[in-house]
Amino acid sequence: RVEMPDEILLATEVWLPEGDGPFPTVLMRTLYGRFNEETGLYIENGYATVVQSLRGIGDSEGEFDGYFSDRADGHATIEWIAEQPWSDGKVGMVGDSALGIVQYAVAEGAPQALKCLRPGTATPDRYHHVFFQGGVLRHEVNYHPLRILGMLHLFEEVKQHRLWHAGWEELNWLSAPE
């Protein structure tokens, strides 16, 4: 487990390749479970691989908050990786869908150890592209995944905030820098 600045512990798996380190690291932060087919590919090619359940998911403490804490949690995790004796201080993130969304979260103000991102099937603007496309609630994209994760309360909360307002700005990582 990795401790976040607010003392919440996030469930984290670390796999190391054969040989002596330190190793560059591939980080995947997920809501889908920490075991996936990709880890073997990275390990076989000499990368340490870290897979972490998001806050409130699986064995991680806290409550899933719809990605509001993912910038701070991601930054803390990247810094933790860079400090480990098996790490060469270089971290890259990969993943699709939710694993891609959290990459957009960490991009702004990322720790120096973060060297690359590879988000797939993800967007940095969840209001316009995930929740409300053209002002219409995207039921199929939101309801079923949240139901499977046991988080229908978030679906109900999204419906209460149909119109764009300043609160959505925290989750819009597309904004141009000031």
N, C-alpha and C. Protein backbone atom coordinates (compact mmCIF):
# COMPACT_ATOMS: atom_id res chain seq x y z
N ARG A 1 0.84 -1.19 0.00
CA ARG A 1 0.00 0.00 0.00
C ARG A 1 0.88 1.24 0.00
N VAL A 2 0.40 2.26 -0.68
CA VAL A 2 1.13 3.52 -0.74
C VAL A 2 0.30 4.57 -0.01
N GLU A 3 0.95 5.30 0.89
CA GLU A 3 0.27 6.31 1.69
C GLU A 3 0.21 7.64 0.94
N MET A 4 -1.00 8.20 0.87
CA MET A 4 -1.23 9.49 0.25
C MET A 4 -0.98 10.59 1.28
N PRO A 5 -0.84 11.84 0.84
CA PRO A 5 -0.58 12.93 1.79
C PRO A 5 -1.63 13.06 2.91
N ASP A 6 -2.88 12.62 2.65
CA ASP A 6 -3.91 12.69 3.68
C ASP A 6 -4.01 11.38 4.49
N GLU A 7 -2.98 10.55 4.39
CA GLU A 7 -2.81 9.30 5.14
C GLU A 7 -3.72 8.16 4.67
N ILE A 8 -4.44 8.35 3.57
CA ILE A 8 -5.22 7.26 2.96
C ILE A 8 -4.23 6.31 2.30
N LEU A 9 -4.45 5.00 2.47
CA LEU A 9 -3.58 3.99 1.86
C LEU A 9 -4.23 3.44 0.61
N LEU A 10 -3.48 3.45 -0.50
CA LEU A 10 -3.99 2.91 -1.76
C LEU A 10 -3.32 1.58 -2.06
N ALA A 11 -4.14 0.57 -2.36
CA ALA A 11 -3.65 -0.77 -2.67
C ALA A 11 -2.81 -0.71 -3.94
N THR A 12 -1.60 -1.24 -3.87
CA THR A 12 -0.63 -1.11 -4.95
C THR A 12 0.15 -2.40 -5.11
N GLU A 13 0.24 -2.88 -6.33
CA GLU A 13 1.05 -4.06 -6.65
C GLU A 13 2.30 -3.60 -7.40
N VAL A 14 3.44 -4.19 -7.06
CA VAL A 14 4.70 -3.87 -7.73
C VAL A 14 5.28 -5.17 -8.27
N TRP A 15 5.57 -5.19 -9.57
CA TRP A 15 6.25 -6.32 -10.18
C TRP A 15 7.56 -5.83 -10.75
N LEU A 16 8.63 -6.59 -10.48
CA LEU A 16 9.95 -6.22 -10.96
C LEU A 16 10.45 -7.25 -11.98
N PRO A 17 11.14 -6.77 -13.01
CA PRO A 17 11.71 -7.70 -13.99
C PRO A 17 12.92 -8.42 -13.38
N GLU A 18 13.38 -9.45 -14.06
CA GLU A 18 14.59 -10.14 -13.61
C GLU A 18 15.78 -9.22 -13.79
N GLY A 19 16.80 -9.48 -12.99
CA GLY A 19 18.03 -8.70 -13.11
C GLY A 19 18.13 -7.65 -12.03
N ASP A 20 19.26 -6.98 -12.07
CA ASP A 20 19.51 -5.93 -11.10
C ASP A 20 18.91 -4.62 -11.59
N GLY A 21 18.31 -3.90 -10.69
CA GLY A 21 17.76 -2.60 -11.02
C GLY A 21 18.84 -1.56 -10.92
N PRO A 22 18.49 -0.34 -10.93
CA PRO A 22 17.12 0.17 -10.94
C PRO A 22 16.48 0.08 -12.33
N PHE A 23 15.15 0.15 -12.35
CA PHE A 23 14.38 -0.01 -13.58
C PHE A 23 13.49 1.21 -13.83
N PRO A 24 13.25 1.52 -15.12
CA PRO A 24 12.19 2.48 -15.42
C PRO A 24 10.87 1.82 -15.05
N THR A 25 9.84 2.62 -14.79
CA THR A 25 8.59 2.07 -14.27
C THR A 25 7.40 2.48 -15.11
N VAL A 26 6.52 1.51 -15.33
CA VAL A 26 5.22 1.75 -15.95
C VAL A 26 4.19 1.74 -14.82
N LEU A 27 3.40 2.80 -14.75
CA LEU A 27 2.37 2.95 -13.72
C LEU A 27 0.99 2.89 -14.36
N MET A 28 0.12 2.06 -13.77
CA MET A 28 -1.28 2.01 -14.16
C MET A 28 -2.11 2.23 -12.90
N ARG A 29 -2.92 3.28 -12.91
CA ARG A 29 -3.84 3.55 -11.80
C ARG A 29 -5.24 3.22 -12.31
N THR A 30 -5.98 2.37 -11.57
CA THR A 30 -7.18 1.77 -12.15
C THR A 30 -8.36 1.65 -11.20
N LEU A 31 -9.55 1.55 -11.81
CA LEU A 31 -10.72 1.16 -11.03
C LEU A 31 -11.17 -0.24 -11.39
N TYR A 32 -10.44 -0.93 -12.24
CA TYR A 32 -10.87 -2.22 -12.77
C TYR A 32 -10.21 -3.43 -12.13
N GLY A 33 -9.42 -3.29 -11.12
CA GLY A 33 -8.70 -4.43 -10.54
C GLY A 33 -7.23 -4.35 -10.92
N ARG A 34 -6.38 -4.80 -10.03
CA ARG A 34 -4.94 -4.60 -10.21
C ARG A 34 -4.25 -5.66 -11.06
N PHE A 35 -4.95 -6.67 -11.49
CA PHE A 35 -4.29 -7.72 -12.27
C PHE A 35 -4.79 -7.65 -13.70
N ASN A 36 -3.86 -7.46 -14.64
CA ASN A 36 -4.25 -7.38 -16.04
C ASN A 36 -3.19 -8.01 -16.92
N GLU A 37 -3.52 -8.19 -18.18
CA GLU A 37 -2.64 -8.88 -19.12
C GLU A 37 -1.42 -8.06 -19.51
N GLU A 38 -1.49 -6.76 -19.41
CA GLU A 38 -0.39 -5.91 -19.87
C GLU A 38 0.85 -5.99 -19.00
N THR A 39 0.69 -6.27 -17.73
CA THR A 39 1.84 -6.21 -16.82
C THR A 39 2.97 -7.11 -17.29
N GLY A 40 2.66 -8.32 -17.74
CA GLY A 40 3.70 -9.25 -18.20
C GLY A 40 4.52 -8.69 -19.33
N LEU A 41 3.90 -8.00 -20.25
CA LEU A 41 4.59 -7.41 -21.40
C LEU A 41 5.65 -6.42 -20.93
N TYR A 42 5.30 -5.57 -19.99
CA TYR A 42 6.25 -4.57 -19.51
C TYR A 42 7.38 -5.22 -18.72
N ILE A 43 7.02 -6.16 -17.85
CA ILE A 43 8.04 -6.84 -17.04
C ILE A 43 9.03 -7.57 -17.93
N GLU A 44 8.54 -8.28 -18.94
CA GLU A 44 9.41 -9.02 -19.87
C GLU A 44 10.36 -8.10 -20.61
N ASN A 45 9.99 -6.84 -20.76
CA ASN A 45 10.82 -5.88 -21.49
C ASN A 45 11.63 -4.97 -20.57
N GLY A 46 11.78 -5.39 -19.30
CA GLY A 46 12.69 -4.69 -18.40
C GLY A 46 12.13 -3.53 -17.62
N TYR A 47 10.81 -3.42 -17.55
CA TYR A 47 10.19 -2.33 -16.79
C TYR A 47 9.62 -2.85 -15.48
N ALA A 48 9.86 -2.12 -14.41
CA ALA A 48 9.10 -2.35 -13.19
C ALA A 48 7.67 -1.94 -13.52
N THR A 49 6.71 -2.63 -12.97
CA THR A 49 5.32 -2.32 -13.27
C THR A 49 4.55 -2.15 -11.97
N VAL A 50 3.88 -1.01 -11.85
CA VAL A 50 3.11 -0.70 -10.65
C VAL A 50 1.65 -0.52 -11.07
N VAL A 51 0.77 -1.27 -10.41
CA VAL A 51 -0.66 -1.14 -10.67
C VAL A 51 -1.34 -0.80 -9.35
N GLN A 52 -2.09 0.29 -9.36
CA GLN A 52 -2.67 0.81 -8.13
C GLN A 52 -4.18 0.99 -8.29
N SER A 53 -4.92 0.51 -7.31
CA SER A 53 -6.37 0.76 -7.28
C SER A 53 -6.62 2.19 -6.82
N LEU A 54 -7.52 2.87 -7.51
CA LEU A 54 -7.85 4.25 -7.14
C LEU A 54 -8.47 4.30 -5.76
N ARG A 55 -8.48 5.45 -5.20
CA ARG A 55 -9.08 5.72 -3.89
C ARG A 55 -10.52 5.17 -3.85
N GLY A 56 -10.79 4.36 -2.82
CA GLY A 56 -12.12 3.81 -2.63
C GLY A 56 -12.44 2.61 -3.50
N ILE A 57 -11.49 2.13 -4.27
CA ILE A 57 -11.72 0.99 -5.18
C ILE A 57 -10.96 -0.22 -4.65
N GLY A 58 -11.61 -1.38 -4.69
CA GLY A 58 -10.95 -2.62 -4.26
C GLY A 58 -10.48 -2.51 -2.82
N ASP A 59 -9.19 -2.79 -2.60
CA ASP A 59 -8.61 -2.76 -1.26
C ASP A 59 -8.09 -1.38 -0.85
N SER A 60 -8.27 -0.38 -1.70
CA SER A 60 -7.79 0.96 -1.36
C SER A 60 -8.76 1.63 -0.38
N GLU A 61 -8.18 2.37 0.55
CA GLU A 61 -8.98 3.10 1.53
C GLU A 61 -9.63 4.32 0.88
N GLY A 62 -10.50 4.96 1.64
CA GLY A 62 -11.15 6.19 1.18
C GLY A 62 -12.38 5.89 0.38
N GLU A 63 -12.88 6.93 -0.27
CA GLU A 63 -14.09 6.82 -1.08
C GLU A 63 -13.80 7.35 -2.47
N PHE A 64 -14.22 6.61 -3.49
CA PHE A 64 -14.05 7.08 -4.86
C PHE A 64 -14.85 8.36 -5.02
N ASP A 65 -14.21 9.40 -5.53
CA ASP A 65 -14.86 10.71 -5.61
C ASP A 65 -15.00 11.22 -7.05
N GLY A 66 -15.00 10.29 -7.99
CA GLY A 66 -15.18 10.71 -9.38
C GLY A 66 -13.98 11.43 -9.95
N TYR A 67 -12.79 11.08 -9.52
CA TYR A 67 -11.51 11.59 -10.03
C TYR A 67 -11.06 12.92 -9.42
N PHE A 68 -11.79 13.48 -8.47
CA PHE A 68 -11.37 14.76 -7.90
C PHE A 68 -10.02 14.65 -7.18
N SER A 69 -9.71 13.51 -6.59
CA SER A 69 -8.46 13.36 -5.84
C SER A 69 -7.34 12.78 -6.67
N ASP A 70 -7.58 12.50 -7.95
CA ASP A 70 -6.58 11.77 -8.73
C ASP A 70 -5.35 12.55 -9.12
N ARG A 71 -5.42 13.85 -9.17
CA ARG A 71 -4.19 14.61 -9.44
C ARG A 71 -3.24 14.46 -8.25
N ALA A 72 -3.73 14.72 -7.05
CA ALA A 72 -2.87 14.62 -5.86
C ALA A 72 -2.43 13.18 -5.62
N ASP A 73 -3.34 12.22 -5.76
CA ASP A 73 -2.98 10.81 -5.53
C ASP A 73 -1.97 10.34 -6.58
N GLY A 74 -2.17 10.74 -7.83
CA GLY A 74 -1.23 10.35 -8.89
C GLY A 74 0.15 10.95 -8.67
N HIS A 75 0.19 12.23 -8.32
CA HIS A 75 1.48 12.88 -8.06
C HIS A 75 2.20 12.19 -6.90
N ALA A 76 1.47 11.89 -5.83
CA ALA A 76 2.09 11.23 -4.67
C ALA A 76 2.62 9.85 -5.04
N THR A 77 1.89 9.14 -5.87
CA THR A 77 2.33 7.80 -6.29
C THR A 77 3.57 7.88 -7.16
N ILE A 78 3.60 8.80 -8.10
CA ILE A 78 4.78 8.97 -8.96
C ILE A 78 6.00 9.32 -8.12
N GLU A 79 5.84 10.23 -7.17
CA GLU A 79 6.96 10.59 -6.29
C GLU A 79 7.41 9.40 -5.45
N TRP A 80 6.46 8.59 -4.97
CA TRP A 80 6.79 7.40 -4.19
C TRP A 80 7.61 6.43 -5.04
N ILE A 81 7.18 6.20 -6.28
CA ILE A 81 7.91 5.30 -7.18
C ILE A 81 9.34 5.79 -7.37
N ALA A 82 9.50 7.08 -7.65
CA ALA A 82 10.84 7.63 -7.92
C ALA A 82 11.79 7.48 -6.74
N GLU A 83 11.25 7.36 -5.53
CA GLU A 83 12.08 7.23 -4.33
C GLU A 83 12.46 5.78 -4.00
N GLN A 84 11.86 4.82 -4.69
CA GLN A 84 12.12 3.41 -4.36
C GLN A 84 13.48 2.97 -4.87
N PRO A 85 14.17 2.08 -4.16
CA PRO A 85 15.51 1.64 -4.58
C PRO A 85 15.50 0.88 -5.91
N TRP A 86 14.39 0.28 -6.29
CA TRP A 86 14.30 -0.45 -7.55
C TRP A 86 14.00 0.46 -8.74
N SER A 87 13.71 1.74 -8.48
CA SER A 87 13.33 2.69 -9.53
C SER A 87 14.52 3.51 -10.00
N ASP A 88 14.58 3.72 -11.32
CA ASP A 88 15.62 4.61 -11.85
C ASP A 88 15.13 6.06 -11.90
N GLY A 89 13.95 6.32 -11.33
CA GLY A 89 13.42 7.68 -11.26
C GLY A 89 12.63 8.10 -12.48
N LYS A 90 12.42 7.20 -13.44
CA LYS A 90 11.65 7.52 -14.64
C LYS A 90 10.36 6.72 -14.63
N VAL A 91 9.22 7.44 -14.73
CA VAL A 91 7.91 6.82 -14.67
C VAL A 91 7.12 7.21 -15.91
N GLY A 92 6.46 6.22 -16.50
CA GLY A 92 5.52 6.45 -17.58
C GLY A 92 4.18 5.84 -17.19
N MET A 93 3.11 6.42 -17.66
CA MET A 93 1.77 5.89 -17.37
C MET A 93 1.13 5.42 -18.66
N VAL A 94 0.35 4.34 -18.55
CA VAL A 94 -0.34 3.78 -19.70
C VAL A 94 -1.74 3.37 -19.29
N GLY A 95 -2.61 3.19 -20.28
CA GLY A 95 -3.91 2.62 -20.02
C GLY A 95 -5.03 3.31 -20.77
N ASP A 96 -6.12 2.57 -20.89
CA ASP A 96 -7.30 3.04 -21.61
C ASP A 96 -8.43 3.32 -20.63
N SER A 97 -9.39 4.09 -21.10
CA SER A 97 -10.60 4.38 -20.35
C SER A 97 -10.24 5.08 -19.04
N ALA A 98 -10.68 4.54 -17.90
CA ALA A 98 -10.38 5.19 -16.62
C ALA A 98 -8.88 5.32 -16.39
N LEU A 99 -8.10 4.34 -16.88
CA LEU A 99 -6.65 4.41 -16.73
C LEU A 99 -6.06 5.55 -17.55
N GLY A 100 -6.76 5.95 -18.61
CA GLY A 100 -6.35 7.11 -19.40
C GLY A 100 -6.78 8.41 -18.76
N ILE A 101 -7.99 8.43 -18.21
CA ILE A 101 -8.50 9.63 -17.56
C ILE A 101 -7.56 10.09 -16.45
N VAL A 102 -7.08 9.15 -15.63
CA VAL A 102 -6.21 9.55 -14.52
C VAL A 102 -4.86 10.06 -15.01
N GLN A 103 -4.48 9.72 -16.24
CA GLN A 103 -3.24 10.28 -16.80
C GLN A 103 -3.41 11.76 -17.10
N TYR A 104 -4.56 12.13 -17.63
CA TYR A 104 -4.83 13.55 -17.85
C TYR A 104 -4.84 14.30 -16.52
N ALA A 105 -5.31 13.63 -15.47
CA ALA A 105 -5.35 14.28 -14.15
C ALA A 105 -3.97 14.66 -13.67
N VAL A 106 -2.97 13.81 -13.89
CA VAL A 106 -1.63 14.08 -13.34
C VAL A 106 -0.78 14.98 -14.22
N ALA A 107 -1.20 15.21 -15.46
CA ALA A 107 -0.35 15.93 -16.41
C ALA A 107 0.06 17.32 -15.93
N GLU A 108 -0.90 18.11 -15.49
CA GLU A 108 -0.59 19.46 -15.06
C GLU A 108 0.19 19.43 -13.74
N GLY A 109 1.34 20.04 -13.71
CA GLY A 109 2.16 20.11 -12.51
C GLY A 109 2.76 18.77 -12.10
N ALA A 110 2.90 17.87 -13.05
CA ALA A 110 3.40 16.53 -12.74
C ALA A 110 4.80 16.56 -12.14
N PRO A 111 5.09 15.61 -11.27
CA PRO A 111 6.45 15.49 -10.74
C PRO A 111 7.44 15.26 -11.88
N GLN A 112 8.67 15.67 -11.68
CA GLN A 112 9.70 15.55 -12.69
C GLN A 112 9.92 14.11 -13.13
N ALA A 113 9.65 13.14 -12.28
CA ALA A 113 9.85 11.73 -12.61
C ALA A 113 8.92 11.25 -13.73
N LEU A 114 7.79 11.92 -13.94
CA LEU A 114 6.86 11.49 -14.99
C LEU A 114 7.43 11.89 -16.34
N LYS A 115 7.73 10.90 -17.16
CA LYS A 115 8.38 11.14 -18.45
C LYS A 115 7.44 11.00 -19.64
N CYS A 116 6.38 10.20 -19.51
CA CYS A 116 5.46 10.06 -20.63
C CYS A 116 4.10 9.56 -20.18
N LEU A 117 3.10 9.85 -21.02
CA LEU A 117 1.73 9.38 -20.82
C LEU A 117 1.29 8.71 -22.10
N ARG A 118 0.47 7.65 -21.98
CA ARG A 118 -0.13 7.02 -23.14
C ARG A 118 -1.60 6.70 -22.83
N PRO A 119 -2.44 7.77 -22.77
CA PRO A 119 -3.86 7.52 -22.51
C PRO A 119 -4.55 7.07 -23.79
N GLY A 120 -5.40 6.08 -23.66
CA GLY A 120 -6.18 5.61 -24.80
C GLY A 120 -7.65 5.59 -24.43
N THR A 121 -8.50 5.82 -25.40
CA THR A 121 -9.94 5.80 -25.21
C THR A 121 -10.32 6.59 -23.95
N ALA A 122 -9.80 7.78 -23.85
CA ALA A 122 -10.03 8.62 -22.68
C ALA A 122 -10.09 10.08 -23.12
N THR A 123 -10.59 10.90 -22.25
CA THR A 123 -10.70 12.32 -22.55
C THR A 123 -10.35 13.14 -21.32
N PRO A 124 -9.76 14.31 -21.52
CA PRO A 124 -9.51 15.19 -20.39
C PRO A 124 -10.73 16.07 -20.05
N ASP A 125 -11.79 15.99 -20.83
CA ASP A 125 -12.99 16.81 -20.62
C ASP A 125 -14.19 15.89 -20.44
N ARG A 126 -14.42 15.49 -19.23
CA ARG A 126 -15.47 14.50 -18.99
C ARG A 126 -16.88 15.09 -19.06
N TYR A 127 -17.05 16.36 -18.79
CA TYR A 127 -18.40 16.92 -18.89
C TYR A 127 -18.92 16.79 -20.33
N HIS A 128 -18.15 17.32 -21.30
CA HIS A 128 -18.60 17.36 -22.68
C HIS A 128 -18.47 16.04 -23.42
N HIS A 129 -17.51 15.21 -23.06
CA HIS A 129 -17.26 13.98 -23.82
C HIS A 129 -17.72 12.70 -23.15
N VAL A 130 -17.88 12.71 -21.85
CA VAL A 130 -18.29 11.49 -21.14
C VAL A 130 -19.71 11.62 -20.62
N PHE A 131 -19.98 12.65 -19.84
CA PHE A 131 -21.28 12.74 -19.19
C PHE A 131 -22.37 13.33 -20.09
N PHE A 132 -22.09 14.48 -20.72
CA PHE A 132 -23.12 15.19 -21.47
C PHE A 132 -22.59 15.58 -22.85
N GLN A 133 -22.80 14.75 -23.82
CA GLN A 133 -22.37 15.08 -25.18
C GLN A 133 -23.46 15.90 -25.85
N GLY A 134 -23.13 17.11 -26.25
CA GLY A 134 -24.12 17.99 -26.84
C GLY A 134 -25.23 18.35 -25.87
N GLY A 135 -24.93 18.30 -24.58
CA GLY A 135 -25.91 18.64 -23.56
C GLY A 135 -26.82 17.48 -23.16
N VAL A 136 -26.63 16.31 -23.77
CA VAL A 136 -27.48 15.14 -23.50
C VAL A 136 -26.71 14.15 -22.64
N LEU A 137 -27.34 13.69 -21.57
CA LEU A 137 -26.72 12.71 -20.69
C LEU A 137 -26.44 11.43 -21.45
N ARG A 138 -25.21 10.96 -21.40
CA ARG A 138 -24.81 9.72 -22.07
C ARG A 138 -25.03 8.55 -21.12
N HIS A 139 -26.24 8.11 -21.07
CA HIS A 139 -26.66 7.04 -20.15
C HIS A 139 -25.82 5.79 -20.33
N GLU A 140 -25.62 5.33 -21.59
CA GLU A 140 -24.92 4.07 -21.85
C GLU A 140 -23.47 4.09 -21.40
N VAL A 141 -22.84 5.24 -21.42
CA VAL A 141 -21.43 5.33 -21.05
C VAL A 141 -21.26 5.43 -19.54
N ASN A 142 -22.26 5.89 -18.84
CA ASN A 142 -22.14 6.17 -17.42
C ASN A 142 -22.88 5.19 -16.51
N TYR A 143 -24.11 4.91 -16.82
CA TYR A 143 -24.94 4.11 -15.91
C TYR A 143 -24.36 2.71 -15.68
N HIS A 144 -24.10 1.98 -16.74
CA HIS A 144 -23.68 0.58 -16.59
C HIS A 144 -22.32 0.42 -15.91
N PRO A 145 -21.30 1.20 -16.28
CA PRO A 145 -20.03 1.06 -15.55
C PRO A 145 -20.16 1.41 -14.07
N LEU A 146 -20.92 2.46 -13.76
CA LEU A 146 -21.10 2.84 -12.36
C LEU A 146 -21.93 1.81 -11.60
N ARG A 147 -22.87 1.18 -12.27
CA ARG A 147 -23.65 0.11 -11.65
C ARG A 147 -22.75 -1.07 -11.31
N ILE A 148 -21.91 -1.46 -12.26
CA ILE A 148 -20.99 -2.59 -12.05
C ILE A 148 -20.05 -2.30 -10.88
N LEU A 149 -19.61 -1.06 -10.77
CA LEU A 149 -18.70 -0.67 -9.68
C LEU A 149 -19.43 -0.40 -8.37
N GLY A 150 -20.76 -0.51 -8.37
CA GLY A 150 -21.54 -0.24 -7.16
C GLY A 150 -21.56 1.22 -6.78
N MET A 151 -21.52 2.11 -7.78
CA MET A 151 -21.43 3.54 -7.53
C MET A 151 -22.54 4.33 -8.20
N LEU A 152 -23.75 3.79 -8.20
CA LEU A 152 -24.86 4.50 -8.84
C LEU A 152 -25.16 5.84 -8.18
N HIS A 153 -24.71 6.03 -6.94
CA HIS A 153 -24.89 7.34 -6.30
C HIS A 153 -24.19 8.44 -7.11
N LEU A 154 -23.07 8.10 -7.76
CA LEU A 154 -22.37 9.09 -8.59
C LEU A 154 -23.18 9.42 -9.85
N PHE A 155 -23.86 8.42 -10.42
CA PHE A 155 -24.71 8.65 -11.58
C PHE A 155 -25.84 9.62 -11.20
N GLU A 156 -26.44 9.39 -10.05
CA GLU A 156 -27.51 10.28 -9.59
C GLU A 156 -26.98 11.69 -9.35
N GLU A 157 -25.77 11.78 -8.82
CA GLU A 157 -25.16 13.09 -8.58
C GLU A 157 -24.89 13.82 -9.89
N VAL A 158 -24.38 13.10 -10.89
CA VAL A 158 -24.13 13.70 -12.21
C VAL A 158 -25.43 14.26 -12.78
N LYS A 159 -26.52 13.52 -12.66
CA LYS A 159 -27.80 13.99 -13.20
C LYS A 159 -28.25 15.28 -12.54
N GLN A 160 -27.85 15.51 -11.30
CA GLN A 160 -28.23 16.73 -10.59
C GLN A 160 -27.44 17.94 -11.08
N HIS A 161 -26.37 17.70 -11.85
CA HIS A 161 -25.50 18.79 -12.31
C HIS A 161 -25.42 18.79 -13.84
N ARG A 162 -26.59 18.77 -14.46
CA ARG A 162 -26.66 18.68 -15.92
C ARG A 162 -26.05 19.89 -16.63
N LEU A 163 -26.21 21.06 -16.05
CA LEU A 163 -25.72 22.27 -16.71
C LEU A 163 -24.28 22.55 -16.30
N TRP A 164 -23.50 23.02 -17.26
CA TRP A 164 -22.11 23.38 -17.00
C TRP A 164 -22.06 24.45 -15.92
N HIS A 165 -21.21 24.26 -14.94
CA HIS A 165 -21.00 25.27 -13.90
C HIS A 165 -19.55 25.15 -13.44
N ALA A 166 -19.13 26.06 -12.59
CA ALA A 166 -17.73 26.13 -12.16
C ALA A 166 -17.24 24.82 -11.52
N GLY A 167 -18.12 24.07 -10.89
CA GLY A 167 -17.72 22.82 -10.28
C GLY A 167 -17.17 21.80 -11.27
N TRP A 168 -17.63 21.85 -12.51
CA TRP A 168 -17.12 20.93 -13.54
C TRP A 168 -15.69 21.29 -13.94
N GLU A 169 -15.31 22.53 -13.73
CA GLU A 169 -13.98 22.98 -14.17
C GLU A 169 -12.86 22.15 -13.56
N GLU A 170 -13.03 21.70 -12.30
CA GLU A 170 -12.00 20.86 -11.66
C GLU A 170 -11.79 19.55 -12.39
N LEU A 171 -12.77 19.10 -13.13
CA LEU A 171 -12.67 17.84 -13.86
C LEU A 171 -12.47 18.04 -15.35
N ASN A 172 -12.20 19.26 -15.75
CA ASN A 172 -11.94 19.56 -17.16
C ASN A 172 -10.46 19.87 -17.30
N TRP A 173 -9.69 18.86 -17.65
CA TRP A 173 -8.24 19.04 -17.76
C TRP A 173 -7.84 19.49 -19.15
N LEU A 174 -8.79 20.01 -19.93
CA LEU A 174 -8.52 20.53 -21.26
C LEU A 174 -8.27 22.03 -21.23
N SER A 175 -8.58 22.65 -20.13
CA SER A 175 -8.49 24.11 -20.05
C SER A 175 -7.09 24.59 -20.39
N ALA A 176 -7.05 25.69 -21.11
CA ALA A 176 -5.77 26.29 -21.47
C ALA A 176 -5.14 26.88 -20.21
N PRO A 177 -3.82 26.79 -20.10
CA PRO A 177 -3.15 27.40 -18.93
C PRO A 177 -3.32 28.90 -18.94
N GLU A 178 -3.38 29.47 -17.75
CA GLU A 178 -3.55 30.92 -17.64
C GLU A 178 -2.23 31.63 -17.82
